[in-house]
Amino acid sequence: MSFQLVGPYVQTFAERNPGSTAFMERGSDNRIQRVFVCPSFANDVLMCVRPVISIDAAHMRSEWKGTLYLATVKSALDDLYPVAFAITVDGEDLQGWLWFLEHLKASAPNLITEHFRRECSYKLFTFMSDRGKGLITALRNVFPDNHNCYCVVHIRRNVETDFGKKIATMVTLLSTTSSLPEKRALLTELERKSPDAYKYLTDIGAKRWMDSAWLEDEKLPPRYGFRNSNISESANNMLNDARNGNWLDAIDGILIKMSLRITKSQSENEGKDGVVDDIVGLATKRWEKCVGCRVYASGNDGETYSVYQKLGEESEDF
């Protein structure tokens, strides 16, 4: 009975929320095959978050089965916002990913906005994924002009499985170093210890997962510190209950969570203009951690400052 209500539910949602994408597909036997939902506010949300979108799929755990596809973004204050989702009979395969990504692109055109950095050769949003074969092929077909990064955690797990823990520790070092000499030294050591692991990691491509690649290629879009798909993992946890029920309850539960998060954000920032105080404070704190000097205003004219070099452990850590 719940499946009989899925069609009317998504149709009513689309009618009552102009600009939203919500529809269902049936197979030749008239059974529901796929449902896709992207609320109207999602496209606007994309212009107010860090332009990295994490995509992932997870299996439904109920007796009705299916696969939940999810696209999630993160704000400057680390708030998660799922922007689109689908439930399908497909597995995590090429066909399912192509279908989801094509509808995501049509529903959220801000994903392919031109990048604000003129030297950048990619569109605004960078995709973060776990490097599934079907997914990577689908991304190349649907979003050929967006940069695609891979989750370092998944790469490390694969290396640990195939080449051992000691070699796997080098994955973390290679992914986080921003020193080109250190990168070269690590790769030399890796090639000496395990030529097969060296080939595996270099075949992936540095611009997909190594921080040092951004020093060598100014055309790469910034990825704002994202090295893994934890955004998707957190979103899956947030929507964990939805994967335990039937499709109708899952759709309803996910939409409620999405709407509540947007409503909460709007109420907390109502009447505020420009960059809100919390974000200014967070940006200032992170800036102070990574620079070697501390700057203080020493006059009331807004033009006179005193600069002090930071000493001790704090400056040595960054």
Protein backbone atom coordinates (compact mmCIF):
# COMPACT_ATOMS: atom_id res chain seq x y z
CA MET A 1 0.00 0.00 0.00
CA SER A 2 2.84 2.41 0.76
CA PHE A 3 4.23 1.99 -2.75
CA GLN A 4 0.86 2.95 -4.22
CA LEU A 5 1.22 6.30 -2.45
CA VAL A 6 4.72 7.12 -3.73
CA GLY A 7 3.45 8.47 -7.06
CA PRO A 8 0.81 10.80 -5.56
CA TYR A 9 3.31 11.90 -2.89
CA VAL A 10 6.05 13.06 -5.27
CA GLN A 11 3.51 14.60 -7.64
CA THR A 12 1.93 16.61 -4.83
CA PHE A 13 5.35 17.66 -3.53
CA ALA A 14 6.33 18.99 -6.96
CA GLU A 15 3.02 20.84 -7.36
CA ARG A 16 3.17 22.50 -3.94
CA ASN A 17 6.86 23.41 -4.22
CA PRO A 18 7.30 25.25 -7.53
CA GLY A 19 10.75 24.82 -9.01
CA SER A 20 11.32 21.48 -7.31
CA THR A 21 12.13 18.32 -9.21
CA ALA A 22 10.25 15.29 -7.93
CA PHE A 23 9.16 12.41 -10.10
CA MET A 24 8.96 8.64 -10.35
CA GLU A 25 9.69 6.11 -13.08
CA ARG A 26 7.98 2.76 -13.57
CA GLY A 27 9.20 -0.33 -15.39
CA SER A 28 7.43 -2.33 -18.09
CA ASP A 29 5.66 -4.32 -15.37
CA ASN A 30 4.36 -1.04 -13.86
CA ARG A 31 6.50 -1.45 -10.76
CA ILE A 32 8.35 1.57 -9.37
CA GLN A 33 11.94 1.62 -10.58
CA ARG A 34 13.30 5.00 -9.56
CA VAL A 35 12.36 8.12 -7.58
CA PHE A 36 14.33 11.39 -7.72
CA VAL A 37 13.80 14.47 -5.53
CA CYS A 38 15.56 17.85 -5.53
CA PRO A 39 13.71 20.62 -3.62
CA SER A 40 13.55 24.07 -5.18
CA PHE A 41 15.74 25.63 -2.47
CA ALA A 42 18.64 23.24 -3.20
CA ASN A 43 19.97 25.19 -6.18
CA ASP A 44 20.12 28.39 -4.10
CA VAL A 45 21.81 26.54 -1.23
CA LEU A 46 24.66 25.67 -3.58
CA MET A 47 25.67 29.33 -3.81
CA CYS A 48 25.97 29.64 -0.02
CA VAL A 49 28.26 26.70 0.77
CA ARG A 50 31.80 25.58 0.06
CA PRO A 51 31.74 24.49 -3.61
CA VAL A 52 32.56 20.84 -3.02
CA ILE A 53 29.75 18.31 -3.42
CA SER A 54 30.11 14.79 -2.06
CA ILE A 55 28.16 12.02 -3.74
CA ASP A 56 27.61 8.52 -2.47
CA ALA A 57 25.19 5.62 -2.58
CA ALA A 58 24.07 3.24 0.17
CA HIS A 59 21.85 0.18 0.16
CA MET A 60 18.42 0.32 1.77
CA ARG A 61 18.22 -2.12 4.65
CA SER A 62 14.51 -2.86 4.65
CA GLU A 63 12.83 -5.88 3.05
CA TRP A 64 11.94 -3.70 0.03
CA LYS A 65 15.63 -3.09 -0.71
CA GLY A 66 16.85 -0.48 -3.23
CA THR A 67 19.76 1.97 -3.34
CA LEU A 68 19.78 5.48 -1.88
CA TYR A 69 21.79 7.99 -3.94
CA LEU A 70 22.70 11.21 -2.15
CA ALA A 71 24.41 14.53 -2.99
CA THR A 72 25.55 16.57 0.01
CA VAL A 73 27.32 19.89 0.59
CA LYS A 74 28.83 21.61 3.64
CA SER A 75 28.62 25.21 4.80
CA ALA A 76 31.46 27.34 6.17
CA LEU A 77 30.20 26.45 9.65
CA ASP A 78 30.37 22.71 8.86
CA ASP A 79 26.60 22.28 8.57
CA LEU A 80 25.55 19.45 6.25
CA TYR A 81 22.94 20.02 3.58
CA PRO A 82 21.69 17.15 1.41
CA VAL A 83 20.57 18.83 -1.82
CA ALA A 84 19.20 15.92 -3.86
CA PHE A 85 18.52 12.21 -3.48
CA ALA A 86 17.12 9.24 -5.29
CA ILE A 87 15.98 5.74 -4.46
CA THR A 88 16.27 3.18 -7.24
CA VAL A 89 16.27 -0.54 -7.94
CA ASP A 90 19.73 -0.13 -9.47
CA GLY A 91 22.83 -1.17 -7.61
CA GLU A 92 25.77 1.22 -7.32
CA ASP A 93 26.42 0.74 -11.02
CA LEU A 94 26.99 2.87 -14.10
CA GLN A 95 23.34 2.89 -15.13
CA GLY A 96 22.16 4.07 -11.71
CA TRP A 97 24.83 6.76 -11.43
CA LEU A 98 24.18 8.10 -14.93
CA TRP A 99 20.48 8.41 -14.18
CA PHE A 100 21.06 10.16 -10.84
CA LEU A 101 23.73 12.57 -12.08
CA GLU A 102 21.80 13.56 -15.22
CA HIS A 103 18.80 14.55 -13.12
CA LEU A 104 21.03 16.27 -10.55
CA LYS A 105 22.59 18.39 -13.30
CA ALA A 106 19.18 19.34 -14.73
CA SER A 107 17.79 20.19 -11.28
CA ALA A 108 20.78 22.13 -9.90
CA PRO A 109 22.35 24.20 -12.72
CA ASN A 110 24.51 26.12 -10.24
CA LEU A 111 26.75 23.05 -10.14
CA ILE A 112 28.13 24.05 -13.53
CA THR A 113 28.52 27.75 -12.80
CA GLU A 114 31.71 29.27 -14.18
CA HIS A 115 34.48 29.41 -11.58
CA PHE A 116 35.16 32.83 -10.06
CA ARG A 117 38.93 32.32 -10.47
CA ARG A 118 39.80 33.23 -14.02
CA GLU A 119 42.84 30.95 -14.12
CA CYS A 120 40.74 27.93 -13.11
CA SER A 121 39.90 25.66 -16.04
CA TYR A 122 37.01 23.88 -14.30
CA LYS A 123 33.44 24.72 -13.31
CA LEU A 124 32.72 26.01 -9.82
CA PHE A 125 31.88 22.77 -8.01
CA THR A 126 34.34 19.97 -7.33
CA PHE A 127 32.97 16.46 -6.84
CA MET A 128 34.24 14.25 -4.02
CA SER A 129 33.63 10.51 -4.26
CA ASP A 130 34.86 7.09 -3.23
CA ARG A 131 36.16 6.36 -6.73
CA GLY A 132 33.61 3.71 -7.65
CA LYS A 133 34.12 2.56 -11.25
CA GLY A 134 30.58 3.22 -12.43
CA LEU A 135 30.52 6.56 -10.63
CA ILE A 136 33.76 7.86 -12.15
CA THR A 137 32.62 6.98 -15.67
CA ALA A 138 29.25 8.63 -15.04
CA LEU A 139 30.90 11.82 -13.73
CA ARG A 140 33.09 12.07 -16.81
CA ASN A 141 30.03 11.77 -19.02
CA VAL A 142 27.62 14.06 -17.15
CA PHE A 143 29.99 16.61 -15.55
CA PRO A 144 33.03 16.61 -17.87
CA ASP A 145 34.02 20.19 -16.96
CA ASN A 146 33.90 19.75 -13.16
CA HIS A 147 36.96 18.59 -11.22
CA ASN A 148 36.64 15.21 -9.53
CA CYS A 149 38.58 14.32 -6.36
CA TYR A 150 38.86 10.94 -4.66
CA CYS A 151 38.49 10.04 -1.00
CA VAL A 152 41.93 9.44 0.50
CA VAL A 153 40.48 7.10 3.14
CA HIS A 154 39.25 4.71 0.45
CA ILE A 155 42.58 4.90 -1.38
CA ARG A 156 44.45 4.13 1.84
CA ARG A 157 42.18 1.17 2.62
CA ASN A 158 42.79 -0.30 -0.82
CA VAL A 159 46.55 0.12 -0.42
CA GLU A 160 46.48 -1.45 3.05
CA THR A 161 44.55 -4.45 1.70
CA ASP A 162 46.86 -5.00 -1.26
CA PHE A 163 50.25 -3.82 0.00
CA GLY A 164 50.14 -3.72 3.82
CA LYS A 165 49.85 -1.17 6.62
CA LYS A 166 53.37 0.27 6.36
CA ILE A 167 52.86 1.23 2.75
CA ALA A 168 49.39 2.56 3.55
CA THR A 169 50.84 5.09 6.00
CA MET A 170 52.60 6.74 3.06
CA VAL A 171 49.23 7.46 1.45
CA THR A 172 48.34 9.85 4.26
CA LEU A 173 51.73 11.56 4.05
CA LEU A 174 51.46 11.96 0.28
CA SER A 175 47.92 13.29 0.48
CA THR A 176 48.65 15.97 3.11
CA THR A 177 52.11 17.30 2.31
CA SER A 178 52.25 20.70 0.66
CA SER A 179 55.99 20.42 0.05
CA LEU A 180 57.04 19.41 -3.44
CA PRO A 181 60.50 18.17 -2.32
CA GLU A 182 58.84 16.04 0.37
CA LYS A 183 56.37 14.67 -2.16
CA ARG A 184 59.20 13.66 -4.50
CA ALA A 185 61.12 12.06 -1.63
CA LEU A 186 58.06 10.09 -0.54
CA LEU A 187 57.40 8.84 -4.06
CA THR A 188 61.02 7.78 -4.43
CA GLU A 189 60.84 5.86 -1.17
CA LEU A 190 57.50 4.33 -2.16
CA GLU A 191 58.86 3.14 -5.51
CA ARG A 192 61.83 1.55 -3.75
CA LYS A 193 59.68 -0.26 -1.16
CA SER A 194 56.81 -1.33 -3.42
CA PRO A 195 56.90 -0.72 -7.18
CA ASP A 196 53.37 -2.10 -7.51
CA ALA A 197 51.99 0.30 -4.90
CA TYR A 198 53.87 3.15 -6.57
CA LYS A 199 52.26 2.34 -9.91
CA TYR A 200 48.82 2.00 -8.35
CA LEU A 201 49.00 5.41 -6.64
CA THR A 202 50.61 7.32 -9.49
CA ASP A 203 48.10 5.89 -11.96
CA ILE A 204 45.30 7.49 -9.91
CA GLY A 205 46.72 10.94 -10.67
CA ALA A 206 48.06 13.47 -8.14
CA LYS A 207 45.39 16.08 -8.90
CA ARG A 208 42.74 13.69 -7.62
CA TRP A 209 44.07 13.36 -4.07
CA MET A 210 47.47 14.96 -3.33
CA ASP A 211 47.60 18.45 -1.79
CA SER A 212 50.88 19.15 -3.56
CA ALA A 213 49.15 19.01 -6.95
CA TRP A 214 47.55 22.37 -6.20
CA LEU A 215 51.04 23.91 -5.96
CA GLU A 216 51.92 22.62 -9.41
CA ASP A 217 48.73 23.48 -11.27
CA GLU A 218 46.98 26.82 -10.72
CA LYS A 219 44.13 25.69 -12.97
CA LEU A 220 42.84 23.34 -10.28
CA PRO A 221 39.88 24.66 -8.23
CA PRO A 222 40.38 24.83 -4.45
CA ARG A 223 38.86 21.94 -2.54
CA TYR A 224 38.68 23.73 0.82
CA GLY A 225 40.54 21.09 2.80
CA PHE A 226 38.29 18.20 1.79
CA ARG A 227 40.35 15.04 1.38
CA ASN A 228 37.71 12.39 1.98
CA SER A 229 34.02 11.65 1.62
CA ASN A 230 33.19 12.15 5.29
CA ILE A 231 30.45 14.55 4.18
CA SER A 232 28.60 11.64 2.62
CA GLU A 233 29.31 9.34 5.56
CA SER A 234 27.89 11.94 7.96
CA ALA A 235 24.85 12.48 5.75
CA ASN A 236 24.22 8.74 5.63
CA ASN A 237 24.33 8.65 9.42
CA MET A 238 21.98 11.61 9.63
CA LEU A 239 19.51 9.81 7.36
CA ASN A 240 20.14 6.39 8.86
CA ASP A 241 16.51 5.80 9.88
CA ALA A 242 15.32 6.45 6.33
CA ARG A 243 17.21 3.40 5.07
CA ASN A 244 15.32 1.08 7.42
CA GLY A 245 11.80 1.68 6.13
CA ASN A 246 9.81 1.51 2.94
CA TRP A 247 10.42 3.94 0.09
CA LEU A 248 7.54 6.26 0.99
CA ASP A 249 8.67 6.69 4.59
CA ALA A 250 12.26 7.17 3.41
CA ILE A 251 11.32 9.94 0.96
CA ASP A 252 9.17 11.69 3.54
CA GLY A 253 11.79 11.40 6.29
CA ILE A 254 14.62 12.71 4.12
CA LEU A 255 12.59 15.69 2.92
CA ILE A 256 11.65 16.57 6.49
CA LYS A 257 15.33 16.50 7.53
CA MET A 258 16.34 18.64 4.52
CA SER A 259 13.60 21.21 5.16
CA LEU A 260 14.28 21.45 8.89
CA ARG A 261 17.98 22.12 8.32
CA ILE A 262 17.25 24.92 5.89
CA THR A 263 14.57 26.41 8.15
CA LYS A 264 16.93 26.35 11.14
CA SER A 265 19.68 28.08 9.16
CA GLN A 266 17.28 30.75 7.92
CA SER A 267 15.92 31.50 11.40
CA GLU A 268 19.39 31.72 12.95
CA ASN A 269 20.64 34.16 10.31
CA GLU A 270 17.49 36.18 9.69
CA GLY A 271 18.23 39.88 9.36
CA LYS A 272 21.98 39.35 9.01
CA ASP A 273 23.69 40.75 5.95
CA GLY A 274 26.99 39.73 4.37
CA VAL A 275 29.28 37.29 6.17
CA VAL A 276 27.73 36.33 9.51
CA ASP A 277 29.73 36.79 12.72
CA ASP A 278 30.22 33.08 13.36
CA ILE A 279 31.86 32.59 9.98
CA VAL A 280 34.09 35.65 10.44
CA GLY A 281 35.18 34.28 13.81
CA LEU A 282 35.86 30.82 12.44
CA ALA A 283 37.80 32.17 9.45
CA THR A 284 39.87 34.45 11.71
CA LYS A 285 40.66 31.59 14.10
CA ARG A 286 41.80 29.31 11.29
CA TRP A 287 43.83 32.08 9.69
CA GLU A 288 45.60 32.82 12.97
CA LYS A 289 46.52 29.15 13.30
CA CYS A 290 48.20 28.91 9.94
CA VAL A 291 50.15 32.16 9.71
CA GLY A 292 53.47 32.90 11.37
CA CYS A 293 52.51 36.38 12.59
CA ARG A 294 49.71 37.96 14.58
CA VAL A 295 48.36 41.35 13.53
CA TYR A 296 46.75 43.89 15.88
CA ALA A 297 45.14 47.21 15.08
CA SER A 298 47.23 49.82 16.90
CA GLY A 299 45.36 52.92 15.86
CA ASN A 300 41.82 54.15 15.39
CA ASP A 301 42.34 55.19 11.79
CA GLY A 302 41.92 51.65 10.43
CA GLU A 303 45.30 51.92 8.72
CA THR A 304 47.86 51.38 11.50
CA TYR A 305 48.71 47.87 12.68
CA SER A 306 51.34 46.12 14.77
CA VAL A 307 52.74 42.79 13.60
CA TYR A 308 54.17 40.24 16.05
CA GLN A 309 55.86 36.99 15.16
CA LYS A 310 54.25 34.03 16.89
CA LEU A 311 56.60 31.90 18.95
CA GLY A 312 56.36 28.51 20.57
CA GLU A 313 54.43 25.37 19.71
CA GLU A 314 51.57 27.07 17.89
CA SER A 315 53.75 28.52 15.12
CA GLU A 316 55.71 25.29 14.78
CA ASP A 317 52.62 23.24 14.12
CA PHE A 318 51.63 25.09 10.96
